[in-house]
Amino acid sequence: MIDPADHMTLPLIPQTVTKKRGRPATGKARTAAQRKAEQRANVRTKIVAPESDGGKSSESWTLQECLFVLADAKLRDSYGKEAHKRIGVLLTKGD
């Protein structure tokens, strides 16, 4: 332990500040659950919003978006038939 009043003795180990490795932290990190919730909200917006507001028509849904509609109970009630039709179109295109 160094006496705070001692100004003559040099420290035995130099006190250098080392820079951390890697990308610097921004303080805006989100959890995986927060990122997934945002992704689901974005997909839901694409499905429900009109095309003028950035939404997509059911004719341009991807397979992933159709499966999302069928997995969500509220969306399935409103858009389930369109999702089934679109899945049929997408799966027959591959042949």
PDB file of N, CA and C in Angstrom:
ATOM      1  N   MET A   1       0.844  -1.158   0.000  1.00  0.00           N
ATOM      2  CA  MET A   1       0.000   0.000   0.000  1.00  0.00           C
ATOM      3  C   MET A   1       0.898   1.231   0.000  1.00  0.00           C
ATOM      4  N   ILE A   2       0.575   2.210  -0.772  1.00  0.00           N
ATOM      5  CA  ILE A   2       1.372   3.426  -0.890  1.00  0.00           C
ATOM      6  C   ILE A   2       0.770   4.504   0.006  1.00  0.00           C
ATOM      7  N   ASP A   3       1.674   5.158   0.691  1.00  0.00           N
ATOM      8  CA  ASP A   3       1.244   6.269   1.557  1.00  0.00           C
ATOM      9  C   ASP A   3       0.828   7.433   0.666  1.00  0.00           C
ATOM     10  N   PRO A   4      -0.369   7.992   0.802  1.00  0.00           N
ATOM     11  CA  PRO A   4      -0.794   9.094  -0.057  1.00  0.00           C
ATOM     12  C   PRO A   4       0.071  10.340   0.098  1.00  0.00           C
ATOM     13  N   ALA A   5       0.762  10.482   1.211  1.00  0.00           N
ATOM     14  CA  ALA A   5       1.610  11.655   1.425  1.00  0.00           C
ATOM     15  C   ALA A   5       2.989  11.485   0.793  1.00  0.00           C
ATOM     16  N   ASP A   6       3.349  10.249   0.381  1.00  0.00           N
ATOM     17  CA  ASP A   6       4.674   9.995  -0.192  1.00  0.00           C
ATOM     18  C   ASP A   6       4.672  10.343  -1.670  1.00  0.00           C
ATOM     19  N   HIS A   7       5.363  11.402  -2.058  1.00  0.00           N
ATOM     20  CA  HIS A   7       5.431  11.835  -3.455  1.00  0.00           C
ATOM     21  C   HIS A   7       6.782  11.535  -4.066  1.00  0.00           C
ATOM     22  N   MET A   8       7.688  10.946  -3.346  1.00  0.00           N
ATOM     23  CA  MET A   8       9.045  10.713  -3.822  1.00  0.00           C
ATOM     24  C   MET A   8       9.236   9.302  -4.387  1.00  0.00           C
ATOM     25  N   THR A   9       8.538   8.319  -3.836  1.00  0.00           N
ATOM     26  CA  THR A   9       8.718   6.947  -4.267  1.00  0.00           C
ATOM     27  C   THR A   9       7.922   6.700  -5.541  1.00  0.00           C
ATOM     28  N   LEU A  10       8.597   6.087  -6.525  1.00  0.00           N
ATOM     29  CA  LEU A  10       7.936   5.745  -7.788  1.00  0.00           C
ATOM     30  C   LEU A  10       7.166   4.434  -7.625  1.00  0.00           C
ATOM     31  N   PRO A  11       6.094   4.285  -8.335  1.00  0.00           N
ATOM     32  CA  PRO A  11       5.363   3.020  -8.242  1.00  0.00           C
ATOM     33  C   PRO A  11       6.192   1.892  -8.853  1.00  0.00           C
ATOM     34  N   LEU A  12       6.067   0.691  -8.281  1.00  0.00           N
ATOM     35  CA  LEU A  12       6.832  -0.443  -8.785  1.00  0.00           C
ATOM     36  C   LEU A  12       6.294  -0.912 -10.137  1.00  0.00           C
ATOM     37  N   ILE A  13       5.005  -0.929 -10.285  1.00  0.00           N
ATOM     38  CA  ILE A  13       4.384  -1.334 -11.543  1.00  0.00           C
ATOM     39  C   ILE A  13       3.759  -0.081 -12.166  1.00  0.00           C
ATOM     40  N   PRO A  14       4.153   0.223 -13.411  1.00  0.00           N
ATOM     41  CA  PRO A  14       3.569   1.417 -14.024  1.00  0.00           C
ATOM     42  C   PRO A  14       2.052   1.266 -14.183  1.00  0.00           C
ATOM     43  N   GLN A  15       1.336   2.286 -13.851  1.00  0.00           N
ATOM     44  CA  GLN A  15      -0.121   2.286 -13.950  1.00  0.00           C
ATOM     45  C   GLN A  15      -0.516   2.803 -15.329  1.00  0.00           C
ATOM     46  N   THR A  16      -0.621   1.920 -16.299  1.00  0.00           N
ATOM     47  CA  THR A  16      -1.013   2.317 -17.638  1.00  0.00           C
ATOM     48  C   THR A  16      -2.442   1.866 -17.888  1.00  0.00           C
ATOM     49  N   VAL A  17      -3.129   2.658 -18.601  1.00  0.00           N
ATOM     50  CA  VAL A  17      -4.507   2.329 -18.964  1.00  0.00           C
ATOM     51  C   VAL A  17      -4.457   1.639 -20.314  1.00  0.00           C
ATOM     52  N   THR A  18      -4.909   0.399 -20.343  1.00  0.00           N
ATOM     53  CA  THR A  18      -4.919  -0.334 -21.602  1.00  0.00           C
ATOM     54  C   THR A  18      -6.293  -0.212 -22.240  1.00  0.00           C
ATOM     55  N   LYS A  19      -6.265  -0.055 -23.524  1.00  0.00           N
ATOM     56  CA  LYS A  19      -7.514   0.074 -24.263  1.00  0.00           C
ATOM     57  C   LYS A  19      -8.136  -1.316 -24.433  1.00  0.00           C
ATOM     58  N   LYS A  20      -9.441  -1.401 -24.245  1.00  0.00           N
ATOM     59  CA  LYS A  20     -10.131  -2.672 -24.412  1.00  0.00           C
ATOM     60  C   LYS A  20     -10.083  -3.096 -25.873  1.00  0.00           C
ATOM     61  N   ARG A  21     -10.051  -4.394 -26.067  1.00  0.00           N
ATOM     62  CA  ARG A  21     -10.065  -4.918 -27.424  1.00  0.00           C
ATOM     63  C   ARG A  21     -11.487  -4.974 -27.959  1.00  0.00           C
ATOM     64  N   GLY A  22     -11.607  -4.983 -29.256  1.00  0.00           N
ATOM     65  CA  GLY A  22     -12.916  -5.152 -29.874  1.00  0.00           C
ATOM     66  C   GLY A  22     -13.622  -3.846 -30.153  1.00  0.00           C
ATOM     67  N   ARG A  23     -14.846  -3.990 -30.550  1.00  0.00           N
ATOM     68  CA  ARG A  23     -15.663  -2.839 -30.912  1.00  0.00           C
ATOM     69  C   ARG A  23     -16.095  -2.093 -29.649  1.00  0.00           C
ATOM     70  N   PRO A  24     -16.014  -0.764 -29.669  1.00  0.00           N
ATOM     71  CA  PRO A  24     -16.409  -0.023 -28.469  1.00  0.00           C
ATOM     72  C   PRO A  24     -17.919  -0.112 -28.209  1.00  0.00           C
ATOM     73  N   ALA A  25     -18.277  -0.137 -26.952  1.00  0.00           N
ATOM     74  CA  ALA A  25     -19.688  -0.233 -26.560  1.00  0.00           C
ATOM     75  C   ALA A  25     -20.387   1.100 -26.810  1.00  0.00           C
ATOM     76  N   THR A  26     -21.618   1.021 -27.305  1.00  0.00           N
ATOM     77  CA  THR A  26     -22.400   2.236 -27.559  1.00  0.00           C
ATOM     78  C   THR A  26     -23.396   2.508 -26.451  1.00  0.00           C
ATOM     79  N   GLY A  27     -23.683   1.503 -25.654  1.00  0.00           N
ATOM     80  CA  GLY A  27     -24.683   1.654 -24.600  1.00  0.00           C
ATOM     81  C   GLY A  27     -26.102   1.438 -25.103  1.00  0.00           C
ATOM     82  N   LYS A  28     -26.254   1.018 -26.353  1.00  0.00           N
ATOM     83  CA  LYS A  28     -27.581   0.810 -26.935  1.00  0.00           C
ATOM     84  C   LYS A  28     -27.852  -0.668 -27.212  1.00  0.00           C
ATOM     85  N   ALA A  29     -27.134  -1.558 -26.554  1.00  0.00           N
ATOM     86  CA  ALA A  29     -27.296  -2.983 -26.796  1.00  0.00           C
ATOM     87  C   ALA A  29     -28.692  -3.440 -26.383  1.00  0.00           C
ATOM     88  N   ARG A  30     -29.262  -4.352 -27.188  1.00  0.00           N
ATOM     89  CA  ARG A  30     -30.580  -4.901 -26.889  1.00  0.00           C
ATOM     90  C   ARG A  30     -30.459  -6.400 -26.675  1.00  0.00           C
ATOM     91  N   THR A  31     -31.382  -6.951 -25.962  1.00  0.00           N
ATOM     92  CA  THR A  31     -31.392  -8.392 -25.746  1.00  0.00           C
ATOM     93  C   THR A  31     -31.958  -9.073 -26.990  1.00  0.00           C
ATOM     94  N   ALA A  32     -31.755 -10.374 -27.061  1.00  0.00           N
ATOM     95  CA  ALA A  32     -32.288 -11.141 -28.184  1.00  0.00           C
ATOM     96  C   ALA A  32     -33.812 -11.040 -28.232  1.00  0.00           C
ATOM     97  N   ALA A  33     -34.454 -11.020 -27.075  1.00  0.00           N
ATOM     98  CA  ALA A  33     -35.918 -10.910 -27.020  1.00  0.00           C
ATOM     99  C   ALA A  33     -36.392  -9.566 -27.572  1.00  0.00           C
ATOM    100  N   GLN A  34     -35.645  -8.502 -27.283  1.00  0.00           N
ATOM    101  CA  GLN A  34     -36.014  -7.183 -27.801  1.00  0.00           C
ATOM    102  C   GLN A  34     -35.857  -7.131 -29.315  1.00  0.00           C
ATOM    103  N   ARG A  35     -34.767  -7.722 -29.829  1.00  0.00           N
ATOM    104  CA  ARG A  35     -34.566  -7.731 -31.277  1.00  0.00           C
ATOM    105  C   ARG A  35     -35.644  -8.543 -31.980  1.00  0.00           C
ATOM    106  N   LYS A  36     -36.013  -9.703 -31.407  1.00  0.00           N
ATOM    107  CA  LYS A  36     -37.039 -10.547 -32.009  1.00  0.00           C
ATOM    108  C   LYS A  36     -38.407  -9.876 -31.964  1.00  0.00           C
ATOM    109  N   ALA A  37     -38.716  -9.185 -30.879  1.00  0.00           N
ATOM    110  CA  ALA A  37     -39.989  -8.468 -30.779  1.00  0.00           C
ATOM    111  C   ALA A  37     -40.073  -7.379 -31.842  1.00  0.00           C
ATOM    112  N   GLU A  38     -38.953  -6.706 -32.088  1.00  0.00           N
ATOM    113  CA  GLU A  38     -38.933  -5.676 -33.121  1.00  0.00           C
ATOM    114  C   GLU A  38     -39.115  -6.296 -34.507  1.00  0.00           C
ATOM    115  N   GLN A  39     -38.497  -7.454 -34.734  1.00  0.00           N
ATOM    116  CA  GLN A  39     -38.655  -8.135 -36.018  1.00  0.00           C
ATOM    117  C   GLN A  39     -40.107  -8.535 -36.239  1.00  0.00           C
ATOM    118  N   ARG A  40     -40.741  -9.082 -35.201  1.00  0.00           N
ATOM    119  CA  ARG A  40     -42.146  -9.484 -35.332  1.00  0.00           C
ATOM    120  C   ARG A  40     -43.044  -8.282 -35.597  1.00  0.00           C
ATOM    121  N   ALA A  41     -42.760  -7.174 -34.948  1.00  0.00           N
ATOM    122  CA  ALA A  41     -43.552  -5.959 -35.173  1.00  0.00           C
ATOM    123  C   ALA A  41     -43.382  -5.472 -36.612  1.00  0.00           C
ATOM    124  N   ASN A  42     -42.166  -5.570 -37.145  1.00  0.00           N
ATOM    125  CA  ASN A  42     -41.927  -5.148 -38.526  1.00  0.00           C
ATOM    126  C   ASN A  42     -42.682  -6.030 -39.510  1.00  0.00           C
ATOM    127  N   VAL A  43     -42.652  -7.336 -39.285  1.00  0.00           N
ATOM    128  CA  VAL A  43     -43.375  -8.252 -40.178  1.00  0.00           C
ATOM    129  C   VAL A  43     -44.871  -7.999 -40.079  1.00  0.00           C
ATOM    130  N   ARG A  44     -45.374  -7.819 -38.859  1.00  0.00           N
ATOM    131  CA  ARG A  44     -46.803  -7.555 -38.660  1.00  0.00           C
ATOM    132  C   ARG A  44     -47.216  -6.270 -39.384  1.00  0.00           C
ATOM    133  N   THR A  45     -46.351  -5.259 -39.330  1.00  0.00           N
ATOM    134  CA  THR A  45     -46.640  -3.995 -40.014  1.00  0.00           C
ATOM    135  C   THR A  45     -46.701  -4.192 -41.520  1.00  0.00           C
ATOM    136  N   LYS A  46     -45.785  -4.983 -42.058  1.00  0.00           N
ATOM    137  CA  LYS A  46     -45.791  -5.250 -43.503  1.00  0.00           C
ATOM    138  C   LYS A  46     -47.076  -5.938 -43.933  1.00  0.00           C
ATOM    139  N   ILE A  47     -47.599  -6.807 -43.085  1.00  0.00           N
ATOM    140  CA  ILE A  47     -48.784  -7.585 -43.441  1.00  0.00           C
ATOM    141  C   ILE A  47     -50.058  -6.754 -43.289  1.00  0.00           C
ATOM    142  N   VAL A  48     -50.169  -6.019 -42.196  1.00  0.00           N
ATOM    143  CA  VAL A  48     -51.417  -5.325 -41.865  1.00  0.00           C
ATOM    144  C   VAL A  48     -51.515  -3.962 -42.535  1.00  0.00           C
ATOM    145  N   ALA A  49     -50.411  -3.245 -42.680  1.00  0.00           N
ATOM    146  CA  ALA A  49     -50.433  -1.876 -43.212  1.00  0.00           C
ATOM    147  C   ALA A  49     -50.814  -1.878 -44.689  1.00  0.00           C
ATOM    148  N   PRO A  50     -51.497  -0.836 -45.129  1.00  0.00           N
ATOM    149  CA  PRO A  50     -51.784  -0.723 -46.558  1.00  0.00           C
ATOM    150  C   PRO A  50     -50.495  -0.471 -47.346  1.00  0.00           C
ATOM    151  N   GLU A  51     -50.545  -0.765 -48.636  1.00  0.00           N
ATOM    152  CA  GLU A  51     -49.344  -0.615 -49.474  1.00  0.00           C
ATOM    153  C   GLU A  51     -48.832   0.820 -49.484  1.00  0.00           C
ATOM    154  N   SER A  52     -49.716   1.783 -49.353  1.00  0.00           N
ATOM    155  CA  SER A  52     -49.287   3.179 -49.354  1.00  0.00           C
ATOM    156  C   SER A  52     -48.455   3.525 -48.119  1.00  0.00           C
ATOM    157  N   ASP A  53     -48.601   2.738 -47.037  1.00  0.00           N
ATOM    158  CA  ASP A  53     -47.852   2.976 -45.803  1.00  0.00           C
ATOM    159  C   ASP A  53     -46.683   2.022 -45.644  1.00  0.00           C
ATOM    160  N   GLY A  54     -46.252   1.378 -46.720  1.00  0.00           N
ATOM    161  CA  GLY A  54     -45.112   0.469 -46.648  1.00  0.00           C
ATOM    162  C   GLY A  54     -45.483  -0.978 -46.474  1.00  0.00           C
ATOM    163  N   GLY A  55     -46.753  -1.290 -46.528  1.00  0.00           N
ATOM    164  CA  GLY A  55     -47.194  -2.678 -46.396  1.00  0.00           C
ATOM    165  C   GLY A  55     -47.041  -3.432 -47.706  1.00  0.00           C
ATOM    166  N   LYS A  56     -47.317  -4.720 -47.660  1.00  0.00           N
ATOM    167  CA  LYS A  56     -47.220  -5.558 -48.851  1.00  0.00           C
ATOM    168  C   LYS A  56     -48.573  -6.194 -49.121  1.00  0.00           C
ATOM    169  N   SER A  57     -48.883  -6.373 -50.383  1.00  0.00           N
ATOM    170  CA  SER A  57     -50.119  -7.085 -50.715  1.00  0.00           C
ATOM    171  C   SER A  57     -49.887  -8.573 -50.516  1.00  0.00           C
ATOM    172  N   SER A  58     -50.958  -9.330 -50.368  1.00  0.00           N
ATOM    173  CA  SER A  58     -50.815 -10.769 -50.102  1.00  0.00           C
ATOM    174  C   SER A  58     -50.179 -11.497 -51.289  1.00  0.00           C
ATOM    175  N   GLU A  59     -50.224 -10.910 -52.474  1.00  0.00           N
ATOM    176  CA  GLU A  59     -49.598 -11.533 -53.644  1.00  0.00           C
ATOM    177  C   GLU A  59     -48.074 -11.457 -53.603  1.00  0.00           C
ATOM    178  N   SER A  60     -47.531 -10.607 -52.756  1.00  0.00           N
ATOM    179  CA  SER A  60     -46.075 -10.468 -52.683  1.00  0.00           C
ATOM    180  C   SER A  60     -45.487 -10.982 -51.366  1.00  0.00           C
ATOM    181  N   TRP A  61     -46.296 -11.685 -50.560  1.00  0.00           N
ATOM    182  CA  TRP A  61     -45.788 -12.235 -49.307  1.00  0.00           C
ATOM    183  C   TRP A  61     -44.788 -13.350 -49.583  1.00  0.00           C
ATOM    184  N   THR A  62     -43.785 -13.442 -48.748  1.00  0.00           N
ATOM    185  CA  THR A  62     -42.835 -14.546 -48.821  1.00  0.00           C
ATOM    186  C   THR A  62     -43.399 -15.724 -48.031  1.00  0.00           C
ATOM    187  N   LEU A  63     -42.748 -16.873 -48.166  1.00  0.00           N
ATOM    188  CA  LEU A  63     -43.182 -18.047 -47.422  1.00  0.00           C
ATOM    189  C   LEU A  63     -43.083 -17.793 -45.921  1.00  0.00           C
ATOM    190  N   GLN A  64     -42.030 -17.115 -45.508  1.00  0.00           N
ATOM    191  CA  GLN A  64     -41.845 -16.812 -44.089  1.00  0.00           C
ATOM    192  C   GLN A  64     -42.982 -15.926 -43.571  1.00  0.00           C
ATOM    193  N   GLU A  65     -43.395 -14.945 -44.343  1.00  0.00           N
ATOM    194  CA  GLU A  65     -44.488 -14.065 -43.926  1.00  0.00           C
ATOM    195  C   GLU A  65     -45.813 -14.823 -43.871  1.00  0.00           C
ATOM    196  N   CYS A  66     -46.030 -15.743 -44.803  1.00  0.00           N
ATOM    197  CA  CYS A  66     -47.252 -16.559 -44.774  1.00  0.00           C
ATOM    198  C   CYS A  66     -47.286 -17.438 -43.528  1.00  0.00           C
ATOM    199  N   LEU A  67     -46.159 -18.040 -43.195  1.00  0.00           N
ATOM    200  CA  LEU A  67     -46.097 -18.875 -42.007  1.00  0.00           C
ATOM    201  C   LEU A  67     -46.277 -18.044 -40.741  1.00  0.00           C
ATOM    202  N   PHE A  68     -45.789 -16.828 -40.752  1.00  0.00           N
ATOM    203  CA  PHE A  68     -45.978 -15.924 -39.623  1.00  0.00           C
ATOM    204  C   PHE A  68     -47.463 -15.634 -39.425  1.00  0.00           C
ATOM    205  N   VAL A  69     -48.172 -15.397 -40.516  1.00  0.00           N
ATOM    206  CA  VAL A  69     -49.615 -15.130 -40.441  1.00  0.00           C
ATOM    207  C   VAL A  69     -50.342 -16.336 -39.849  1.00  0.00           C
ATOM    208  N   LEU A  70     -49.977 -17.524 -40.297  1.00  0.00           N
ATOM    209  CA  LEU A  70     -50.662 -18.728 -39.821  1.00  0.00           C
ATOM    210  C   LEU A  70     -50.319 -19.049 -38.371  1.00  0.00           C
ATOM    211  N   ALA A  71     -49.163 -18.601 -37.901  1.00  0.00           N
ATOM    212  CA  ALA A  71     -48.762 -18.871 -36.518  1.00  0.00           C
ATOM    213  C   ALA A  71     -49.394 -17.890 -35.534  1.00  0.00           C
ATOM    214  N   ASP A  72     -49.772 -16.721 -35.985  1.00  0.00           N
ATOM    215  CA  ASP A  72     -50.351 -15.694 -35.114  1.00  0.00           C
ATOM    216  C   ASP A  72     -51.878 -15.808 -35.161  1.00  0.00           C
ATOM    217  N   ALA A  73     -52.492 -16.046 -34.026  1.00  0.00           N
ATOM    218  CA  ALA A  73     -53.941 -16.299 -33.983  1.00  0.00           C
ATOM    219  C   ALA A  73     -54.749 -15.114 -34.503  1.00  0.00           C
ATOM    220  N   LYS A  74     -54.361 -13.901 -34.127  1.00  0.00           N
ATOM    221  CA  LYS A  74     -55.125 -12.725 -34.570  1.00  0.00           C
ATOM    222  C   LYS A  74     -55.001 -12.523 -36.081  1.00  0.00           C
ATOM    223  N   LEU A  75     -53.796 -12.694 -36.615  1.00  0.00           N
ATOM    224  CA  LEU A  75     -53.606 -12.523 -38.054  1.00  0.00           C
ATOM    225  C   LEU A  75     -54.245 -13.664 -38.829  1.00  0.00           C
ATOM    226  N   ARG A  76     -54.218 -14.877 -38.263  1.00  0.00           N
ATOM    227  CA  ARG A  76     -54.795 -16.032 -38.952  1.00  0.00           C
ATOM    228  C   ARG A  76     -56.284 -15.842 -39.182  1.00  0.00           C
ATOM    229  N   ASP A  77     -56.989 -15.232 -38.229  1.00  0.00           N
ATOM    230  CA  ASP A  77     -58.422 -15.000 -38.402  1.00  0.00           C
ATOM    231  C   ASP A  77     -58.698 -14.076 -39.573  1.00  0.00           C
ATOM    232  N   SER A  78     -57.847 -13.054 -39.744  1.00  0.00           N
ATOM    233  CA  SER A  78     -58.086 -12.056 -40.786  1.00  0.00           C
ATOM    234  C   SER A  78     -57.453 -12.412 -42.127  1.00  0.00           C
ATOM    235  N   TYR A  79     -56.256 -13.006 -42.079  1.00  0.00           N
ATOM    236  CA  TYR A  79     -55.487 -13.190 -43.314  1.00  0.00           C
ATOM    237  C   TYR A  79     -55.128 -14.644 -43.597  1.00  0.00           C
ATOM    238  N   GLY A  80     -55.733 -15.579 -42.898  1.00  0.00           N
ATOM    239  CA  GLY A  80     -55.379 -16.985 -43.044  1.00  0.00           C
ATOM    240  C   GLY A  80     -55.625 -17.541 -44.430  1.00  0.00           C
ATOM    241  N   LYS A  81     -56.756 -17.207 -45.023  1.00  0.00           N
ATOM    242  CA  LYS A  81     -57.071 -17.730 -46.363  1.00  0.00           C
ATOM    243  C   LYS A  81     -56.083 -17.218 -47.397  1.00  0.00           C
ATOM    244  N   GLU A  82     -55.737 -15.921 -47.314  1.00  0.00           N
ATOM    245  CA  GLU A  82     -54.770 -15.368 -48.263  1.00  0.00           C
ATOM    246  C   GLU A  82     -53.402 -16.022 -48.090  1.00  0.00           C
ATOM    247  N   ALA A  83     -53.040 -16.306 -46.840  1.00  0.00           N
ATOM    248  CA  ALA A  83     -51.745 -16.944 -46.583  1.00  0.00           C
ATOM    249  C   ALA A  83     -51.717 -18.355 -47.175  1.00  0.00           C
ATOM    250  N   HIS A  84     -52.813 -19.121 -47.012  1.00  0.00           N
ATOM    251  CA  HIS A  84     -52.869 -20.467 -47.585  1.00  0.00           C
ATOM    252  C   HIS A  84     -52.783 -20.411 -49.109  1.00  0.00           C
ATOM    253  N   LYS A  85     -53.485 -19.484 -49.718  1.00  0.00           N
ATOM    254  CA  LYS A  85     -53.424 -19.347 -51.179  1.00  0.00           C
ATOM    255  C   LYS A  85     -52.015 -19.018 -51.641  1.00  0.00           C
ATOM    256  N   ARG A  86     -51.376 -18.086 -50.937  1.00  0.00           N
ATOM    257  CA  ARG A  86     -50.027 -17.664 -51.326  1.00  0.00           C
ATOM    258  C   ARG A  86     -49.021 -18.801 -51.156  1.00  0.00           C
ATOM    259  N   ILE A  87     -49.166 -19.601 -50.091  1.00  0.00           N
ATOM    260  CA  ILE A  87     -48.282 -20.744 -49.907  1.00  0.00           C
ATOM    261  C   ILE A  87     -48.441 -21.729 -51.053  1.00  0.00           C
ATOM    262  N   GLY A  88     -49.678 -21.961 -51.470  1.00  0.00           N
ATOM    263  CA  GLY A  88     -49.912 -22.846 -52.615  1.00  0.00           C
ATOM    264  C   GLY A  88     -49.229 -22.338 -53.876  1.00  0.00           C
ATOM    265  N   VAL A  89     -49.297 -21.036 -54.098  1.00  0.00           N
ATOM    266  CA  VAL A  89     -48.646 -20.455 -55.287  1.00  0.00           C
ATOM    267  C   VAL A  89     -47.125 -20.608 -55.177  1.00  0.00           C
ATOM    268  N   LEU A  90     -46.589 -20.307 -54.013  1.00  0.00           N
ATOM    269  CA  LEU A  90     -45.135 -20.364 -53.820  1.00  0.00           C
ATOM    270  C   LEU A  90     -44.615 -21.786 -53.965  1.00  0.00           C
ATOM    271  N   LEU A  91     -45.354 -22.768 -53.461  1.00  0.00           N
ATOM    272  CA  LEU A  91     -44.869 -24.152 -53.533  1.00  0.00           C
ATOM    273  C   LEU A  91     -45.040 -24.751 -54.916  1.00  0.00           C
ATOM    274  N   THR A  92     -46.008 -24.305 -55.696  1.00  0.00           N
ATOM    275  CA  THR A  92     -46.161 -24.829 -57.050  1.00  0.00           C
ATOM    276  C   THR A  92     -45.201 -24.153 -58.022  1.00  0.00           C
ATOM    277  N   LYS A  93     -44.687 -22.966 -57.690  1.00  0.00           N
ATOM    278  CA  LYS A  93     -43.704 -22.311 -58.544  1.00  0.00           C
ATOM    279  C   LYS A  93     -42.409 -23.084 -58.601  1.00  0.00           C
ATOM    280  N   GLY A  94     -42.066 -23.783 -57.523  1.00  0.00           N
ATOM    281  CA  GLY A  94     -40.797 -24.516 -57.454  1.00  0.00           C
ATOM    282  C   GLY A  94     -40.740 -25.701 -58.396  1.00  0.00           C
ATOM    283  N   ASP A  95     -41.894 -26.189 -58.889  1.00  0.00           N
ATOM    284  CA  ASP A  95     -41.916 -27.359 -59.767  1.00  0.00           C
ATOM    285  C   ASP A  95     -41.560 -27.009 -61.180  1.00  0.00           C
TER     286      ASP A  95
END
